Amino acid sequence: MKLRKPRTYRKGRIEIIPMIDVMFFLLATFMLSSLAMQNLDSLQVNLPQGKAEKLNADKPVTMTLTSDSKIFVNRTPVTLQTLAATLGPLLNNSQQSVVVSADNITPQGLVVQAMLQARVAGVRHFLIAVKHE
């Protein structure tokens, strides 16, 4: 008669698949929350649609032009005459860009005049904010 061996016990193992699922969930959560925390310090306007790359600046200076022809620099209301004086101290260096966030129905002449006044303040590079399609 043949006797059976006593049952052999296997060592416990760490299953890696659930750990990968948890790590992917955490990665996705942190990516989405970091995107939600990006603040351009601009007012809500109806931007024109277009294709553009994402902004990579640390703390950009934002010039907002609303539909009722008001101008804001980082949420501070300004006029065309005071734009250069307000914008000048906010520029860290001559290579800093200014994000122009103009409403879709803002008169083009006002946008051009505001950009010319920003040039007087020392701005050499402009980034135009658009709504992604």
C-alpha atoms as a PDB file:
ATOM      1  CA  MET A   1       0.000   0.000   0.000  1.00  0.00           C
ATOM      2  CA  LYS A   2       1.246   3.437  -0.997  1.00  0.00           C
ATOM      3  CA  LEU A   3       0.992   6.188   1.598  1.00  0.00           C
ATOM      4  CA  ARG A   4       0.412   9.769   0.570  1.00  0.00           C
ATOM      5  CA  LYS A   5       2.830  12.423   1.621  1.00  0.00           C
ATOM      6  CA  PRO A   6       1.552  14.929   4.083  1.00  0.00           C
ATOM      7  CA  ARG A   7       0.319  18.065   2.396  1.00  0.00           C
ATOM      8  CA  THR A   8       3.145  20.461   1.577  1.00  0.00           C
ATOM      9  CA  TYR A   9       2.522  24.076   2.364  1.00  0.00           C
ATOM     10  CA  ARG A  10       3.644  26.719  -0.034  1.00  0.00           C
ATOM     11  CA  LYS A  11       5.039  30.008   1.117  1.00  0.00           C
ATOM     12  CA  GLY A  12       2.823  33.048   0.759  1.00  0.00           C
ATOM     13  CA  ARG A  13       3.533  35.378  -2.139  1.00  0.00           C
ATOM     14  CA  ILE A  14       2.945  39.033  -2.751  1.00  0.00           C
ATOM     15  CA  GLU A  15       0.603  39.521  -5.665  1.00  0.00           C
ATOM     16  CA  ILE A  16       1.883  42.395  -7.796  1.00  0.00           C
ATOM     17  CA  ILE A  17      -1.159  42.998 -10.034  1.00  0.00           C
ATOM     18  CA  PRO A  18      -3.297  44.702  -7.330  1.00  0.00           C
ATOM     19  CA  MET A  19      -0.288  46.813  -6.331  1.00  0.00           C
ATOM     20  CA  ILE A  20       0.112  47.977  -9.945  1.00  0.00           C
ATOM     21  CA  ASP A  21      -3.574  48.896 -10.053  1.00  0.00           C
ATOM     22  CA  VAL A  22      -3.275  50.972  -6.893  1.00  0.00           C
ATOM     23  CA  MET A  23      -0.133  52.742  -8.143  1.00  0.00           C
ATOM     24  CA  PHE A  24      -1.794  53.561 -11.482  1.00  0.00           C
ATOM     25  CA  PHE A  25      -4.830  54.965  -9.654  1.00  0.00           C
ATOM     26  CA  LEU A  26      -2.589  57.154  -7.467  1.00  0.00           C
ATOM     27  CA  LEU A  27      -0.622  58.353 -10.485  1.00  0.00           C
ATOM     28  CA  ALA A  28      -3.793  59.311 -12.358  1.00  0.00           C
ATOM     29  CA  THR A  29      -5.221  61.050  -9.286  1.00  0.00           C
ATOM     30  CA  PHE A  30      -2.109  63.162  -8.718  1.00  0.00           C
ATOM     31  CA  MET A  31      -1.837  64.065 -12.400  1.00  0.00           C
ATOM     32  CA  LEU A  32      -5.435  65.257 -12.561  1.00  0.00           C
ATOM     33  CA  SER A  33      -5.198  67.183  -9.299  1.00  0.00           C
ATOM     34  CA  SER A  34      -1.995  68.936 -10.406  1.00  0.00           C
ATOM     35  CA  LEU A  35      -3.648  70.002 -13.655  1.00  0.00           C
ATOM     36  CA  ALA A  36      -6.583  71.416 -11.714  1.00  0.00           C
ATOM     37  CA  MET A  37      -4.247  73.482  -9.523  1.00  0.00           C
ATOM     38  CA  GLN A  38      -2.715  75.389 -12.454  1.00  0.00           C
ATOM     39  CA  ASN A  39      -3.816  78.997 -12.118  1.00  0.00           C
ATOM     40  CA  LEU A  40      -3.143  81.615 -14.767  1.00  0.00           C
ATOM     41  CA  ASP A  41      -4.371  84.467 -12.563  1.00  0.00           C
ATOM     42  CA  SER A  42      -6.737  85.648 -15.289  1.00  0.00           C
ATOM     43  CA  LEU A  43     -10.419  86.390 -15.426  1.00  0.00           C
ATOM     44  CA  GLN A  44     -12.988  84.166 -17.110  1.00  0.00           C
ATOM     45  CA  VAL A  45     -13.436  85.249 -20.743  1.00  0.00           C
ATOM     46  CA  ASN A  46     -14.813  83.565 -23.847  1.00  0.00           C
ATOM     47  CA  LEU A  47     -11.573  82.637 -25.639  1.00  0.00           C
ATOM     48  CA  PRO A  48     -11.367  81.939 -29.369  1.00  0.00           C
ATOM     49  CA  GLN A  49     -10.837  78.315 -30.339  1.00  0.00           C
ATOM     50  CA  GLY A  50      -7.521  77.108 -31.699  1.00  0.00           C
ATOM     51  CA  LYS A  51      -4.680  74.641 -31.364  1.00  0.00           C
ATOM     52  CA  ALA A  52      -1.762  75.604 -29.137  1.00  0.00           C
ATOM     53  CA  GLU A  53       0.833  73.958 -26.938  1.00  0.00           C
ATOM     54  CA  LYS A  54       0.523  73.992 -23.151  1.00  0.00           C
ATOM     55  CA  LEU A  55       2.126  76.834 -21.231  1.00  0.00           C
ATOM     56  CA  ASN A  56       5.348  75.919 -19.411  1.00  0.00           C
ATOM     57  CA  ALA A  57       5.930  79.132 -17.441  1.00  0.00           C
ATOM     58  CA  ASP A  58       6.172  79.127 -13.648  1.00  0.00           C
ATOM     59  CA  LYS A  59       4.086  82.198 -12.828  1.00  0.00           C
ATOM     60  CA  PRO A  60       3.169  84.018 -16.035  1.00  0.00           C
ATOM     61  CA  VAL A  61       1.988  87.607 -16.199  1.00  0.00           C
ATOM     62  CA  THR A  62      -1.525  87.651 -17.637  1.00  0.00           C
ATOM     63  CA  MET A  63      -3.142  90.523 -19.532  1.00  0.00           C
ATOM     64  CA  THR A  64      -6.916  90.002 -19.793  1.00  0.00           C
ATOM     65  CA  LEU A  65      -9.206  91.956 -22.102  1.00  0.00           C
ATOM     66  CA  THR A  66     -12.923  91.485 -21.464  1.00  0.00           C
ATOM     67  CA  SER A  67     -15.859  91.788 -23.844  1.00  0.00           C
ATOM     68  CA  ASP A  68     -16.782  95.209 -22.414  1.00  0.00           C
ATOM     69  CA  SER A  69     -13.276  96.548 -23.276  1.00  0.00           C
ATOM     70  CA  LYS A  70     -11.838  96.470 -19.759  1.00  0.00           C
ATOM     71  CA  ILE A  71      -8.161  95.600 -19.305  1.00  0.00           C
ATOM     72  CA  PHE A  72      -6.733  93.648 -16.359  1.00  0.00           C
ATOM     73  CA  VAL A  73      -3.124  92.764 -15.526  1.00  0.00           C
ATOM     74  CA  ASN A  74      -3.119  89.790 -13.133  1.00  0.00           C
ATOM     75  CA  ARG A  75      -6.673  90.700 -12.022  1.00  0.00           C
ATOM     76  CA  THR A  76      -5.713  94.353 -11.442  1.00  0.00           C
ATOM     77  CA  PRO A  77      -7.858  96.755 -13.504  1.00  0.00           C
ATOM     78  CA  VAL A  78      -5.833  99.158 -15.666  1.00  0.00           C
ATOM     79  CA  THR A  79      -6.383 101.554 -18.555  1.00  0.00           C
ATOM     80  CA  LEU A  80      -4.382 101.878 -21.760  1.00  0.00           C
ATOM     81  CA  GLN A  81      -2.558 104.868 -20.263  1.00  0.00           C
ATOM     82  CA  THR A  82      -1.568 103.066 -17.026  1.00  0.00           C
ATOM     83  CA  LEU A  83      -0.879  99.650 -18.598  1.00  0.00           C
ATOM     84  CA  ALA A  84       2.848 100.193 -19.176  1.00  0.00           C
ATOM     85  CA  ALA A  85       3.417 101.567 -15.675  1.00  0.00           C
ATOM     86  CA  THR A  86       1.547  98.648 -14.065  1.00  0.00           C
ATOM     87  CA  LEU A  87       3.125  95.955 -16.224  1.00  0.00           C
ATOM     88  CA  GLY A  88       6.750  97.143 -15.958  1.00  0.00           C
ATOM     89  CA  PRO A  89       7.428  96.139 -12.310  1.00  0.00           C
ATOM     90  CA  LEU A  90       5.835  92.695 -12.836  1.00  0.00           C
ATOM     91  CA  LEU A  91       8.412  91.666 -15.440  1.00  0.00           C
ATOM     92  CA  ASN A  92      11.325  89.686 -13.978  1.00  0.00           C
ATOM     93  CA  ASN A  93      13.534  89.845 -17.054  1.00  0.00           C
ATOM     94  CA  SER A  94      13.456  90.939 -20.670  1.00  0.00           C
ATOM     95  CA  GLN A  95      12.690  87.397 -21.865  1.00  0.00           C
ATOM     96  CA  GLN A  96       9.496  86.964 -19.820  1.00  0.00           C
ATOM     97  CA  SER A  97       6.343  86.365 -21.824  1.00  0.00           C
ATOM     98  CA  VAL A  98       2.923  87.870 -21.185  1.00  0.00           C
ATOM     99  CA  VAL A  99      -0.184  85.755 -21.713  1.00  0.00           C
ATOM    100  CA  VAL A 100      -2.830  87.732 -23.637  1.00  0.00           C
ATOM    101  CA  SER A 101      -6.276  86.425 -22.744  1.00  0.00           C
ATOM    102  CA  ALA A 102      -8.760  88.369 -24.864  1.00  0.00           C
ATOM    103  CA  ASP A 103     -12.482  87.691 -25.109  1.00  0.00           C
ATOM    104  CA  ASN A 104     -13.729  86.468 -28.468  1.00  0.00           C
ATOM    105  CA  ILE A 105     -15.726  89.673 -29.121  1.00  0.00           C
ATOM    106  CA  THR A 106     -13.150  92.162 -27.819  1.00  0.00           C
ATOM    107  CA  PRO A 107     -12.351  94.725 -30.540  1.00  0.00           C
ATOM    108  CA  GLN A 108      -9.138  93.829 -32.333  1.00  0.00           C
ATOM    109  CA  GLY A 109      -7.933  97.422 -32.163  1.00  0.00           C
ATOM    110  CA  LEU A 110      -8.040  97.380 -28.368  1.00  0.00           C
ATOM    111  CA  VAL A 111      -6.025  94.147 -28.240  1.00  0.00           C
ATOM    112  CA  VAL A 112      -3.383  95.628 -30.550  1.00  0.00           C
ATOM    113  CA  GLN A 113      -3.225  98.888 -28.558  1.00  0.00           C
ATOM    114  CA  ALA A 114      -2.821  96.935 -25.300  1.00  0.00           C
ATOM    115  CA  MET A 115      -0.027  94.838 -26.799  1.00  0.00           C
ATOM    116  CA  LEU A 116       1.733  97.984 -28.038  1.00  0.00           C
ATOM    117  CA  GLN A 117       1.531  99.504 -24.554  1.00  0.00           C
ATOM    118  CA  ALA A 118       2.941  96.266 -23.130  1.00  0.00           C
ATOM    119  CA  ARG A 119       5.861  96.600 -25.558  1.00  0.00           C
ATOM    120  CA  VAL A 120       6.519 100.051 -24.113  1.00  0.00           C
ATOM    121  CA  ALA A 121       6.782  98.362 -20.687  1.00  0.00           C
ATOM    122  CA  GLY A 122       9.461  95.995 -22.054  1.00  0.00           C
ATOM    123  CA  VAL A 123       7.518  92.900 -23.105  1.00  0.00           C
ATOM    124  CA  ARG A 124       9.074  91.194 -26.121  1.00  0.00           C
ATOM    125  CA  HIS A 125       7.151  87.898 -26.196  1.00  0.00           C
ATOM    126  CA  PHE A 126       3.391  87.414 -26.152  1.00  0.00           C
ATOM    127  CA  LEU A 127       1.457  84.168 -25.708  1.00  0.00           C
ATOM    128  CA  ILE A 128      -2.143  84.159 -26.935  1.00  0.00           C
ATOM    129  CA  ALA A 129      -4.561  82.135 -24.798  1.00  0.00           C
ATOM    130  CA  VAL A 130      -7.025  79.992 -26.781  1.00  0.00           C
ATOM    131  CA  LYS A 131      -9.714  77.461 -25.917  1.00  0.00           C
ATOM    132  CA  HIS A 132      -8.745  73.970 -27.085  1.00  0.00           C
ATOM    133  CA  GLU A 133     -11.067  72.489 -29.703  1.00  0.00           C
END
